[in-house]
C-alpha atoms as a PDB file:
ATOM      1  CA  MET A   1     120.019 110.365  92.190  1.00  0.00           C
ATOM      2  CA  ARG A   2     118.552 113.596  93.565  1.00  0.00           C
ATOM      3  CA  PHE A   3     114.856 113.924  94.333  1.00  0.00           C
ATOM      4  CA  ALA A   4     112.484 116.412  95.928  1.00  0.00           C
ATOM      5  CA  ALA A   5     109.167 116.131  97.778  1.00  0.00           C
ATOM      6  CA  ILE A   6     106.182 118.241  96.763  1.00  0.00           C
ATOM      7  CA  GLY A   7     102.764 117.532  98.262  1.00  0.00           C
ATOM      8  CA  LEU A   8     103.029 116.885 102.000  1.00  0.00           C
ATOM      9  CA  ASP A   9      99.333 116.239 102.644  1.00  0.00           C
ATOM     10  CA  HIS A  10      99.341 112.543 103.585  1.00  0.00           C
ATOM     11  CA  ARG A  11     101.575 110.633 105.987  1.00  0.00           C
ATOM     12  CA  HIS A  12     102.572 108.221 103.235  1.00  0.00           C
ATOM     13  CA  ILE A  13     105.146 110.848 102.276  1.00  0.00           C
ATOM     14  CA  TYR A  14     107.188 109.590 105.230  1.00  0.00           C
ATOM     15  CA  HIS A  15     107.866 106.116 103.835  1.00  0.00           C
ATOM     16  CA  MET A  16     108.215 107.440 100.279  1.00  0.00           C
ATOM     17  CA  VAL A  17     111.009 109.821 101.254  1.00  0.00           C
ATOM     18  CA  GLY A  18     112.472 107.456 103.851  1.00  0.00           C
ATOM     19  CA  GLY A  19     112.604 104.568 101.381  1.00  0.00           C
ATOM     20  CA  LEU A  20     114.460 106.627  98.786  1.00  0.00           C
ATOM     21  CA  LEU A  21     116.953 107.915 101.360  1.00  0.00           C
ATOM     22  CA  GLU A  22     117.575 104.385 102.645  1.00  0.00           C
ATOM     23  CA  ALA A  23     118.133 103.232  99.057  1.00  0.00           C
ATOM     24  CA  GLY A  24     120.884 105.824  98.625  1.00  0.00           C
ATOM     25  CA  ALA A  25     119.125 108.753  96.944  1.00  0.00           C
ATOM     26  CA  GLN A  26     119.725 112.371  98.009  1.00  0.00           C
ATOM     27  CA  CYS A  27     116.836 114.686  98.849  1.00  0.00           C
ATOM     28  CA  ALA A  28     117.335 118.191  97.451  1.00  0.00           C
ATOM     29  CA  GLY A  29     114.500 119.654  99.510  1.00  0.00           C
ATOM     30  CA  PHE A  30     110.764 119.692 100.135  1.00  0.00           C
ATOM     31  CA  ASP A  31     107.978 122.151  99.505  1.00  0.00           C
ATOM     32  CA  PRO A  32     106.437 122.939 102.934  1.00  0.00           C
ATOM     33  CA  ALA A  33     102.989 123.802 101.509  1.00  0.00           C
ATOM     34  CA  THR A  34     100.421 121.472 103.057  1.00  0.00           C
ATOM     35  CA  SER A  35      96.735 121.076 103.855  1.00  0.00           C
ATOM     36  CA  ASP A  36      97.616 119.367 107.146  1.00  0.00           C
ATOM     37  CA  GLU A  37     100.156 120.996 109.447  1.00  0.00           C
ATOM     38  CA  ARG A  38     100.410 117.765 111.445  1.00  0.00           C
ATOM     39  CA  VAL A  39     101.808 115.962 108.411  1.00  0.00           C
ATOM     40  CA  LEU A  40     104.361 118.733 107.907  1.00  0.00           C
ATOM     41  CA  ALA A  41     105.344 118.641 111.574  1.00  0.00           C
ATOM     42  CA  GLY A  42     105.812 114.878 111.397  1.00  0.00           C
ATOM     43  CA  PHE A  43     107.912 115.260 108.269  1.00  0.00           C
ATOM     44  CA  ARG A  44     110.206 117.824 109.898  1.00  0.00           C
ATOM     45  CA  GLU A  45     110.562 115.596 112.953  1.00  0.00           C
ATOM     46  CA  ARG A  46     111.544 112.568 110.875  1.00  0.00           C
ATOM     47  CA  PHE A  47     113.812 114.427 108.453  1.00  0.00           C
ATOM     48  CA  PRO A  48     115.295 117.369 110.383  1.00  0.00           C
ATOM     49  CA  ASP A  49     118.208 117.791 107.967  1.00  0.00           C
ATOM     50  CA  LEU A  50     116.057 118.368 104.882  1.00  0.00           C
ATOM     51  CA  ARG A  51     115.502 121.962 103.815  1.00  0.00           C
ATOM     52  CA  PRO A  52     112.276 123.635 102.682  1.00  0.00           C
ATOM     53  CA  VAL A  53     112.290 124.967  99.106  1.00  0.00           C
ATOM     54  CA  GLU A  54     109.405 126.482  97.141  1.00  0.00           C
ATOM     55  CA  ALA A  55     107.855 124.049  94.648  1.00  0.00           C
ATOM     56  CA  GLN A  56     108.664 125.937  91.458  1.00  0.00           C
ATOM     57  CA  ARG A  57     112.329 126.204  92.416  1.00  0.00           C
ATOM     58  CA  LEU A  58     112.436 122.441  92.858  1.00  0.00           C
ATOM     59  CA  LEU A  59     110.765 121.883  89.494  1.00  0.00           C
ATOM     60  CA  ASP A  60     113.226 124.276  87.837  1.00  0.00           C
ATOM     61  CA  ASP A  61     116.317 122.612  89.359  1.00  0.00           C
ATOM     62  CA  PRO A  62     117.960 120.559  86.566  1.00  0.00           C
ATOM     63  CA  SER A  63     119.857 118.411  89.078  1.00  0.00           C
ATOM     64  CA  ILE A  64     116.630 116.934  90.459  1.00  0.00           C
ATOM     65  CA  GLU A  65     115.574 113.783  88.600  1.00  0.00           C
ATOM     66  CA  LEU A  66     112.534 112.643  90.597  1.00  0.00           C
ATOM     67  CA  ILE A  67     109.576 114.365  92.264  1.00  0.00           C
ATOM     68  CA  VAL A  68     107.718 112.462  94.991  1.00  0.00           C
ATOM     69  CA  CYS A  69     104.186 113.499  95.892  1.00  0.00           C
ATOM     70  CA  ALA A  70     101.608 112.589  98.527  1.00  0.00           C
ATOM     71  CA  GLY A  71      99.438 115.644  97.956  1.00  0.00           C
ATOM     72  CA  ILE A  72      95.646 115.831  98.054  1.00  0.00           C
ATOM     73  CA  PRO A  73      94.709 112.914  95.765  1.00  0.00           C
ATOM     74  CA  SER A  74      92.737 114.977  93.239  1.00  0.00           C
ATOM     75  CA  GLU A  75      95.754 117.286  92.807  1.00  0.00           C
ATOM     76  CA  ARG A  76      98.444 114.644  92.238  1.00  0.00           C
ATOM     77  CA  ALA A  77      97.921 114.192  88.491  1.00  0.00           C
ATOM     78  CA  ALA A  78      98.315 117.912  87.724  1.00  0.00           C
ATOM     79  CA  LEU A  79     101.555 118.114  89.702  1.00  0.00           C
ATOM     80  CA  ALA A  80     102.857 114.942  88.050  1.00  0.00           C
ATOM     81  CA  ILE A  81     102.228 116.418  84.607  1.00  0.00           C
ATOM     82  CA  ARG A  82     104.006 119.657  85.575  1.00  0.00           C
ATOM     83  CA  ALA A  83     106.960 117.663  86.852  1.00  0.00           C
ATOM     84  CA  MET A  84     107.190 115.432  83.784  1.00  0.00           C
ATOM     85  CA  ARG A  85     107.089 118.442  81.476  1.00  0.00           C
ATOM     86  CA  ALA A  86     109.892 119.901  83.584  1.00  0.00           C
ATOM     87  CA  GLY A  87     111.986 116.832  82.759  1.00  0.00           C
ATOM     88  CA  LYS A  88     111.411 114.908  86.015  1.00  0.00           C
ATOM     89  CA  ASP A  89     110.299 111.389  86.696  1.00  0.00           C
ATOM     90  CA  VAL A  90     107.494 111.095  89.247  1.00  0.00           C
ATOM     91  CA  MET A  91     106.541 108.859  92.146  1.00  0.00           C
ATOM     92  CA  VAL A  92     103.088 109.523  93.580  1.00  0.00           C
ATOM     93  CA  ASP A  93     101.216 108.007  96.478  1.00  0.00           C
ATOM     94  CA  LYS A  94      98.147 105.990  95.581  1.00  0.00           C
ATOM     95  CA  PRO A  95      95.692 106.853  94.118  1.00  0.00           C
ATOM     96  CA  GLY A  96      97.767 108.278  91.309  1.00  0.00           C
ATOM     97  CA  VAL A  97      94.647 109.742  89.690  1.00  0.00           C
ATOM     98  CA  THR A  98      91.039 110.304  90.760  1.00  0.00           C
ATOM     99  CA  SER A  99      89.257 110.535  87.386  1.00  0.00           C
ATOM    100  CA  PHE A 100      89.385 109.078  83.880  1.00  0.00           C
ATOM    101  CA  ASP A 101      90.256 112.523  82.503  1.00  0.00           C
ATOM    102  CA  GLN A 102      93.264 112.719  84.813  1.00  0.00           C
ATOM    103  CA  LEU A 103      94.374 109.234  83.777  1.00  0.00           C
ATOM    104  CA  ALA A 104      94.180 110.171  80.101  1.00  0.00           C
ATOM    105  CA  ALA A 105      96.139 113.375  80.726  1.00  0.00           C
ATOM    106  CA  VAL A 106      98.881 111.537  82.643  1.00  0.00           C
ATOM    107  CA  GLU A 107      99.129 108.843  79.966  1.00  0.00           C
ATOM    108  CA  ALA A 108      99.473 111.565  77.329  1.00  0.00           C
ATOM    109  CA  ALA A 109     102.189 113.310  79.364  1.00  0.00           C
ATOM    110  CA  VAL A 110     104.160 110.066  79.710  1.00  0.00           C
ATOM    111  CA  ALA A 111     103.923 109.480  75.953  1.00  0.00           C
ATOM    112  CA  GLU A 112     104.913 113.086  75.258  1.00  0.00           C
ATOM    113  CA  THR A 113     107.851 113.329  77.669  1.00  0.00           C
ATOM    114  CA  GLY A 114     109.107 109.757  78.040  1.00  0.00           C
ATOM    115  CA  ARG A 115     109.175 110.217  81.813  1.00  0.00           C
ATOM    116  CA  ILE A 116     108.304 107.593  84.461  1.00  0.00           C
ATOM    117  CA  PHE A 117     105.010 107.850  86.355  1.00  0.00           C
ATOM    118  CA  SER A 118     105.263 105.402  89.254  1.00  0.00           C
ATOM    119  CA  VAL A 119     102.507 104.870  91.808  1.00  0.00           C
ATOM    120  CA  CYS A 120     103.789 103.761  95.204  1.00  0.00           C
ATOM    121  CA  PHE A 121     101.444 100.913  96.078  1.00  0.00           C
ATOM    122  CA  SER A 122     102.779 100.713  99.604  1.00  0.00           C
ATOM    123  CA  GLU A 123     100.767  97.678 100.695  1.00  0.00           C
ATOM    124  CA  ARG A 124     102.986  95.682  98.323  1.00  0.00           C
ATOM    125  CA  PHE A 125     106.101  97.790  97.821  1.00  0.00           C
ATOM    126  CA  VAL A 126     106.888  98.477 101.489  1.00  0.00           C
ATOM    127  CA  VAL A 127     105.691  95.153 102.937  1.00  0.00           C
ATOM    128  CA  PRO A 128     108.457  92.524 103.118  1.00  0.00           C
ATOM    129  CA  ALA A 129     105.892  89.712 103.364  1.00  0.00           C
ATOM    130  CA  THR A 130     104.756  90.373  99.785  1.00  0.00           C
ATOM    131  CA  LEU A 131     108.305  89.870  98.522  1.00  0.00           C
ATOM    132  CA  VAL A 132     108.584  86.525 100.298  1.00  0.00           C
ATOM    133  CA  ALA A 133     105.202  85.493  98.877  1.00  0.00           C
ATOM    134  CA  GLY A 134     106.363  86.430  95.388  1.00  0.00           C
ATOM    135  CA  LYS A 135     109.455  84.270  95.752  1.00  0.00           C
ATOM    136  CA  LEU A 136     107.409  81.309  96.982  1.00  0.00           C
ATOM    137  CA  ILE A 137     105.064  81.609  94.012  1.00  0.00           C
ATOM    138  CA  ALA A 138     107.969  81.932  91.562  1.00  0.00           C
ATOM    139  CA  ASP A 139     109.459  78.749  93.059  1.00  0.00           C
ATOM    140  CA  GLY A 140     106.197  76.898  92.446  1.00  0.00           C
ATOM    141  CA  ALA A 141     105.392  76.439  96.129  1.00  0.00           C
ATOM    142  CA  ILE A 142     101.619  76.569  95.632  1.00  0.00           C
ATOM    143  CA  GLY A 143     101.338  75.720  91.939  1.00  0.00           C
ATOM    144  CA  ARG A 144      99.366  77.991  89.651  1.00  0.00           C
ATOM    145  CA  VAL A 145      97.663  80.952  91.363  1.00  0.00           C
ATOM    146  CA  VAL A 146      93.925  80.909  90.681  1.00  0.00           C
ATOM    147  CA  GLN A 147      92.505  83.427  93.158  1.00  0.00           C
ATOM    148  CA  THR A 148      93.399  86.191  95.596  1.00  0.00           C
ATOM    149  CA  ILE A 149      91.358  87.597  98.471  1.00  0.00           C
ATOM    150  CA  GLY A 150      92.628  90.995  99.551  1.00  0.00           C
ATOM    151  CA  LEU A 151      91.400  92.653 102.747  1.00  0.00           C
ATOM    152  CA  GLY A 152      92.293  96.276 103.448  1.00  0.00           C
ATOM    153  CA  PRO A 153      90.758  97.444 106.743  1.00  0.00           C
ATOM    154  CA  HIS A 154      91.858 100.859 108.041  1.00  0.00           C
ATOM    155  CA  ARG A 155      91.419 102.854 111.240  1.00  0.00           C
ATOM    156  CA  LEU A 156      89.448 106.049 110.643  1.00  0.00           C
ATOM    157  CA  ASN A 157      91.312 108.265 113.140  1.00  0.00           C
ATOM    158  CA  ARG A 158      88.670 110.866 112.442  1.00  0.00           C
ATOM    159  CA  ALA A 159      90.050 113.501 114.802  1.00  0.00           C
ATOM    160  CA  ILE A 160      93.293 113.876 112.838  1.00  0.00           C
ATOM    161  CA  ARG A 161      91.869 113.790 109.297  1.00  0.00           C
ATOM    162  CA  PRO A 162      91.817 116.964 107.174  1.00  0.00           C
ATOM    163  CA  ASP A 163      88.553 118.101 105.570  1.00  0.00           C
ATOM    164  CA  TRP A 164      89.481 116.735 102.115  1.00  0.00           C
ATOM    165  CA  PHE A 165      89.674 113.228 103.551  1.00  0.00           C
ATOM    166  CA  PHE A 166      85.855 113.115 103.712  1.00  0.00           C
ATOM    167  CA  ASP A 167      85.245 114.666 100.279  1.00  0.00           C
ATOM    168  CA  ALA A 168      84.901 112.038  97.547  1.00  0.00           C
ATOM    169  CA  ALA A 169      85.783 114.643  94.907  1.00  0.00           C
ATOM    170  CA  ALA A 170      89.152 115.045  96.637  1.00  0.00           C
ATOM    171  CA  TYR A 171      90.030 111.437  97.483  1.00  0.00           C
ATOM    172  CA  GLY A 172      88.308 109.775  94.533  1.00  0.00           C
ATOM    173  CA  GLY A 173      86.085 107.330  96.412  1.00  0.00           C
ATOM    174  CA  VAL A 174      86.991 104.363  98.588  1.00  0.00           C
ATOM    175  CA  LEU A 175      87.618 101.985  95.665  1.00  0.00           C
ATOM    176  CA  THR A 176      89.678 104.468  93.665  1.00  0.00           C
ATOM    177  CA  ASP A 177      91.697 105.127  96.785  1.00  0.00           C
ATOM    178  CA  ILE A 178      92.513 102.208  99.042  1.00  0.00           C
ATOM    179  CA  ALA A 179      91.228  99.345  96.853  1.00  0.00           C
ATOM    180  CA  SER A 180      93.904 100.226  94.294  1.00  0.00           C
ATOM    181  CA  HIS A 181      96.332  98.391  96.610  1.00  0.00           C
ATOM    182  CA  GLN A 182      94.428  95.147  96.320  1.00  0.00           C
ATOM    183  CA  ILE A 183      93.962  95.505  92.549  1.00  0.00           C
ATOM    184  CA  ASP A 184      97.726  95.925  92.236  1.00  0.00           C
ATOM    185  CA  GLN A 185      98.293  92.767  94.259  1.00  0.00           C
ATOM    186  CA  PHE A 186      95.731  90.766  92.280  1.00  0.00           C
ATOM    187  CA  LEU A 187      97.403  91.585  88.966  1.00  0.00           C
ATOM    188  CA  HIS A 188     100.902  91.010  90.369  1.00  0.00           C
ATOM    189  CA  PHE A 189     100.373  87.698  92.138  1.00  0.00           C
ATOM    190  CA  THR A 190      98.152  86.156  89.459  1.00  0.00           C
ATOM    191  CA  GLY A 191     100.429  87.283  86.624  1.00  0.00           C
ATOM    192  CA  SER A 192      97.510  89.063  84.945  1.00  0.00           C
ATOM    193  CA  GLU A 193      98.042  91.940  82.540  1.00  0.00           C
ATOM    194  CA  ASP A 194      94.449  93.144  82.817  1.00  0.00           C
ATOM    195  CA  ALA A 195      91.141  92.251  84.456  1.00  0.00           C
ATOM    196  CA  GLU A 196      87.390  92.790  84.328  1.00  0.00           C
ATOM    197  CA  ILE A 197      85.424  94.382  87.150  1.00  0.00           C
ATOM    198  CA  VAL A 198      82.592  91.873  87.512  1.00  0.00           C
ATOM    199  CA  ALA A 199      80.829  93.733  90.332  1.00  0.00           C
ATOM    200  CA  SER A 200      81.582  96.400  92.906  1.00  0.00           C
ATOM    201  CA  GLY A 201      79.855  98.131  95.785  1.00  0.00           C
ATOM    202  CA  ILE A 202      80.385 100.990  98.205  1.00  0.00           C
ATOM    203  CA  GLY A 203      78.627 101.840 101.430  1.00  0.00           C
ATOM    204  CA  HIS A 204      78.370 104.038 104.484  1.00  0.00           C
ATOM    205  CA  PHE A 205      77.690 102.270 107.764  1.00  0.00           C
ATOM    206  CA  GLY A 206      79.488 104.462 110.295  1.00  0.00           C
ATOM    207  CA  ALA A 207      79.228 108.039 111.560  1.00  0.00           C
ATOM    208  CA  PRO A 208      75.656 109.305 110.969  1.00  0.00           C
ATOM    209  CA  ASP A 209      76.851 112.886 110.490  1.00  0.00           C
ATOM    210  CA  LEU A 210      78.950 111.808 107.466  1.00  0.00           C
ATOM    211  CA  PRO A 211      76.244 110.140 105.338  1.00  0.00           C
ATOM    212  CA  ASP A 212      78.152 110.464 102.066  1.00  0.00           C
ATOM    213  CA  PHE A 213      81.517 109.233 103.334  1.00  0.00           C
ATOM    214  CA  GLN A 214      82.365 105.870 101.789  1.00  0.00           C
ATOM    215  CA  ASP A 215      83.583 103.720 104.667  1.00  0.00           C
ATOM    216  CA  PHE A 216      83.147 100.317 102.982  1.00  0.00           C
ATOM    217  CA  GLY A 217      83.879  98.935  99.531  1.00  0.00           C
ATOM    218  CA  GLU A 218      84.113  95.609  97.753  1.00  0.00           C
ATOM    219  CA  ILE A 219      85.103  94.367  94.299  1.00  0.00           C
ATOM    220  CA  LEU A 220      84.740  91.080  92.454  1.00  0.00           C
ATOM    221  CA  LEU A 221      87.201  90.937  89.561  1.00  0.00           C
ATOM    222  CA  ARG A 222      88.358  88.380  87.010  1.00  0.00           C
ATOM    223  CA  SER A 223      91.186  88.021  84.496  1.00  0.00           C
ATOM    224  CA  ASP A 224      91.943  85.409  81.864  1.00  0.00           C
ATOM    225  CA  ARG A 225      94.049  83.631  84.508  1.00  0.00           C
ATOM    226  CA  ALA A 226      92.356  84.026  87.883  1.00  0.00           C
ATOM    227  CA  GLY A 227      89.608  85.543  89.998  1.00  0.00           C
ATOM    228  CA  GLY A 228      89.734  87.877  92.960  1.00  0.00           C
ATOM    229  CA  TYR A 229      87.718  89.435  95.764  1.00  0.00           C
ATOM    230  CA  ILE A 230      88.575  92.705  97.517  1.00  0.00           C
ATOM    231  CA  ARG A 231      87.146  94.265 100.667  1.00  0.00           C
ATOM    232  CA  VAL A 232      88.251  97.615 102.088  1.00  0.00           C
ATOM    233  CA  ASP A 233      86.840  99.588 105.012  1.00  0.00           C
ATOM    234  CA  TRP A 234      87.410 102.214 107.699  1.00  0.00           C
ATOM    235  CA  PHE A 235      86.290 100.122 110.682  1.00  0.00           C
ATOM    236  CA  THR A 236      89.495  99.007 112.418  1.00  0.00           C
ATOM    237  CA  ALA A 237      88.707  99.162 116.137  1.00  0.00           C
ATOM    238  CA  ASP A 238      90.872 101.193 118.496  1.00  0.00           C
ATOM    239  CA  GLY A 239      91.836  98.063 120.398  1.00  0.00           C
ATOM    240  CA  LEU A 240      94.048  96.786 117.584  1.00  0.00           C
ATOM    241  CA  SER A 241      97.747  97.504 118.029  1.00  0.00           C
ATOM    242  CA  THR A 242      98.141  98.894 114.509  1.00  0.00           C
ATOM    243  CA  TRP A 243      96.093 100.795 111.917  1.00  0.00           C
ATOM    244  CA  GLY A 244      94.627  97.740 110.187  1.00  0.00           C
ATOM    245  CA  ASP A 245      94.741  93.950 109.991  1.00  0.00           C
ATOM    246  CA  GLY A 246      95.663  93.872 106.293  1.00  0.00           C
ATOM    247  CA  ARG A 247      95.568  90.371 104.859  1.00  0.00           C
ATOM    248  CA  LEU A 248      96.047  88.701 101.517  1.00  0.00           C
ATOM    249  CA  THR A 249      95.162  85.072 100.793  1.00  0.00           C
ATOM    250  CA  ILE A 250      96.609  83.565  97.618  1.00  0.00           C
ATOM    251  CA  LEU A 251      95.048  80.320  96.418  1.00  0.00           C
ATOM    252  CA  GLY A 252      97.118  78.029  94.241  1.00  0.00           C
ATOM    253  CA  THR A 253      96.425  74.660  92.681  1.00  0.00           C
ATOM    254  CA  GLU A 254      98.850  73.027  95.114  1.00  0.00           C
ATOM    255  CA  GLY A 255      98.580  75.149  98.245  1.00  0.00           C
ATOM    256  CA  THR A 256      97.812  78.515  99.807  1.00  0.00           C
ATOM    257  CA  ILE A 257      99.723  81.502 101.118  1.00  0.00           C
ATOM    258  CA  GLU A 258      98.232  83.925 103.614  1.00  0.00           C
ATOM    259  CA  LEU A 259      99.909  87.223 104.455  1.00  0.00           C
ATOM    260  CA  ARG A 260      99.102  88.884 107.739  1.00  0.00           C
ATOM    261  CA  LYS A 261     100.993  92.017 106.870  1.00  0.00           C
ATOM    262  CA  TYR A 262     100.812  94.246 109.909  1.00  0.00           C
ATOM    263  CA  VAL A 263      99.708  92.088 112.845  1.00  0.00           C
ATOM    264  CA  ASP A 264      99.012  88.470 113.767  1.00  0.00           C
ATOM    265  CA  VAL A 265      95.879  89.029 115.847  1.00  0.00           C
ATOM    266  CA  ALA A 266      96.332  87.615 119.378  1.00  0.00           C
ATOM    267  CA  GLY A 267      99.286  85.627 118.079  1.00  0.00           C
ATOM    268  CA  ARG A 268     102.941  86.209 117.232  1.00  0.00           C
ATOM    269  CA  PRO A 269     104.446  89.664 117.819  1.00  0.00           C
ATOM    270  CA  GLY A 270     105.599  91.965 115.018  1.00  0.00           C
ATOM    271  CA  SER A 271     104.546  92.259 111.397  1.00  0.00           C
ATOM    272  CA  ASP A 272     105.050  90.457 108.062  1.00  0.00           C
ATOM    273  CA  HIS A 273     103.733  87.015 108.892  1.00  0.00           C
ATOM    274  CA  VAL A 274     103.538  84.527 106.011  1.00  0.00           C
ATOM    275  CA  PHE A 275     101.598  81.274 106.387  1.00  0.00           C
ATOM    276  CA  LEU A 276     102.305  78.619 103.769  1.00  0.00           C
ATOM    277  CA  VAL A 277     100.256  75.453 103.351  1.00  0.00           C
ATOM    278  CA  ASP A 278     101.514  72.988 100.747  1.00  0.00           C
ATOM    279  CA  LYS A 279     101.705  69.224 100.189  1.00  0.00           C
ATOM    280  CA  THR A 280     104.281  68.839 102.964  1.00  0.00           C
ATOM    281  CA  GLY A 281     102.383  70.650 105.716  1.00  0.00           C
ATOM    282  CA  ALA A 282     101.679  74.085 107.173  1.00  0.00           C
ATOM    283  CA  ARG A 283     104.275  76.528 108.446  1.00  0.00           C
ATOM    284  CA  HIS A 284     104.828  80.106 109.505  1.00  0.00           C
ATOM    285  CA  LEU A 285     107.549  82.261 107.932  1.00  0.00           C
ATOM    286  CA  ASP A 286     108.872  85.465 109.496  1.00  0.00           C
ATOM    287  CA  ALA A 287     109.310  87.795 106.516  1.00  0.00           C
ATOM    288  CA  SER A 288     110.114  90.944 108.487  1.00  0.00           C
ATOM    289  CA  ARG A 289     113.806  90.961 107.537  1.00  0.00           C
ATOM    290  CA  GLU A 290     113.264  90.590 103.791  1.00  0.00           C
ATOM    291  CA  PRO A 291     114.907  93.618 102.086  1.00  0.00           C
ATOM    292  CA  LEU A 292     112.592  95.935 100.160  1.00  0.00           C
ATOM    293  CA  THR A 293     113.348  96.372  96.462  1.00  0.00           C
ATOM    294  CA  TYR A 294     110.933  98.994  95.071  1.00  0.00           C
ATOM    295  CA  PHE A 295     112.910 102.111  95.934  1.00  0.00           C
ATOM    296  CA  ARG A 296     116.287 100.927  94.766  1.00  0.00           C
ATOM    297  CA  ASN A 297     114.713  99.456  91.628  1.00  0.00           C
ATOM    298  CA  LEU A 298     113.038 102.799  90.871  1.00  0.00           C
ATOM    299  CA  ILE A 299     116.364 104.580  91.308  1.00  0.00           C
ATOM    300  CA  ALA A 300     117.930 102.111  88.872  1.00  0.00           C
ATOM    301  CA  ASP A 301     115.057 102.560  86.417  1.00  0.00           C
ATOM    302  CA  ILE A 302     115.588 106.330  86.409  1.00  0.00           C
ATOM    303  CA  GLY A 303     119.155 105.757  85.290  1.00  0.00           C
ATOM    304  CA  THR A 304     118.514 102.978  82.776  1.00  0.00           C
ATOM    305  CA  ARG A 305     114.932 103.908  81.717  1.00  0.00           C
ATOM    306  CA  GLY A 306     113.968 100.388  82.739  1.00  0.00           C
ATOM    307  CA  GLU A 307     110.829  98.981  84.375  1.00  0.00           C
ATOM    308  CA  THR A 308     112.108  96.814  87.221  1.00  0.00           C
ATOM    309  CA  ALA A 309     110.153  98.605  89.971  1.00  0.00           C
ATOM    310  CA  ALA A 310     106.850  98.306  88.093  1.00  0.00           C
ATOM    311  CA  SER A 311     105.935  98.529  84.455  1.00  0.00           C
ATOM    312  CA  GLN A 312     104.259 101.698  83.251  1.00  0.00           C
ATOM    313  CA  ARG A 313     101.458  99.596  81.797  1.00  0.00           C
ATOM    314  CA  HIS A 314     100.836  97.959  85.164  1.00  0.00           C
ATOM    315  CA  SER A 315     100.544 101.292  86.993  1.00  0.00           C
ATOM    316  CA  PHE A 316      98.076 102.643  84.449  1.00  0.00           C
ATOM    317  CA  THR A 317      96.057  99.410  84.445  1.00  0.00           C
ATOM    318  CA  VAL A 318      95.653  99.489  88.225  1.00  0.00           C
ATOM    319  CA  CYS A 319      94.532 103.130  88.054  1.00  0.00           C
ATOM    320  CA  ARG A 320      92.000 102.359  85.319  1.00  0.00           C
ATOM    321  CA  LEU A 321      90.541  99.303  87.041  1.00  0.00           C
ATOM    322  CA  ALA A 322      90.139 101.197  90.319  1.00  0.00           C
ATOM    323  CA  LEU A 323      88.311 103.987  88.477  1.00  0.00           C
ATOM    324  CA  GLU A 324      86.107 101.448  86.691  1.00  0.00           C
ATOM    325  CA  ALA A 325      85.243  99.732  89.966  1.00  0.00           C
ATOM    326  CA  GLN A 326      84.368 103.076  91.530  1.00  0.00           C
ATOM    327  CA  ALA A 327      82.298 104.202  88.542  1.00  0.00           C
ATOM    328  CA  LYS A 328      80.124 101.076  88.431  1.00  0.00           C
ATOM    329  CA  ALA A 329      79.821 100.569  92.190  1.00  0.00           C
ATOM    330  CA  ALA A 330      76.355 100.123  93.633  1.00  0.00           C
ATOM    331  CA  TRP A 331      75.561 101.865  96.908  1.00  0.00           C
ATOM    332  CA  LEU A 332      74.934  99.221  99.549  1.00  0.00           C
ATOM    333  CA  PRO A 333      71.995  99.854 101.896  1.00  0.00           C
ATOM    334  CA  SER A 334      73.047 101.239 105.252  1.00  0.00           C
ATOM    335  CA  LYS A 335      70.033  99.669 106.956  1.00  0.00           C
ATOM    336  CA  PRO A 336      68.134  96.491 106.057  1.00  0.00           C
ATOM    337  CA  GLY A 337      65.563  97.256 103.404  1.00  0.00           C
ATOM    338  CA  THR A 338      66.842 100.744 102.627  1.00  0.00           C
ATOM    339  CA  ALA A 339      68.977 102.303  99.899  1.00  0.00           C
ATOM    340  CA  HIS A 340      71.444 105.157 100.078  1.00  0.00           C
ATOM    341  CA  SER A 341      69.782 108.512  99.458  1.00  0.00           C
END
């Protein structure tokens, strides 16, 4: 399977391209256009053998089956539609869309072309710990899942962020953007096909010169099977050894699973820590060697027109719920007794 990369504006393009190459796909080239030269430089450093090719030439190449994109979030939907109408399947970084109009247009393009629109929810798809947790749940280790608590803290790294990063019209808002990861995980681990956004909030508590930048968000959601709480933020302190202490707690009727995805704070070294508590006791599982499946499953789906990587309905549902959470979010007061202006 041959693919190409268009939209080198976010560093997530590194694991998207790297995952496909590791799974056996061949990269036909990348469009070097970017809003962030540092991302392009990092891409060239990681993939020195890949050649730059103008975007339209890649879209016109009939041998290319998949376009991968980590462009400016508000521009991803338009590129995906162009690619699908050119006969390509598409994998985009999250958020796949930043507005309801974009979601409707992408859904129409999928129906029109029969192509795959896959959103790479990397906090599940490229985290081995989530695969181990899924297997434990499937084996009945914690009984029926009744709630998830998903925490998505991030380091701001303000000095290396492009201008669009701070523009809600470009990134879609904090819940549309990073909370989509936790919505994906809620639906997946609870076995829910859909959910209701019960309440949501956004806030700005950080840099005073960026009063409209959303650096905090939370969601309370519920399905016909389970409930969930989500918190995302841009407050990871510089002292942490990685970009964020991402965690997921899964409550079952017979036990709990906690994922400490990227770091076990002041504890064990490495990433992908799984803590299982069941009727027999409590134990730690090292999930770091669990093979990833998303990229090879997507390659297989392109050949068979299957849905083993993620169903099309699931991807669209996550996008819609994130947009709904963002649209109904209340601004949280930045100081006691005040409201956002």
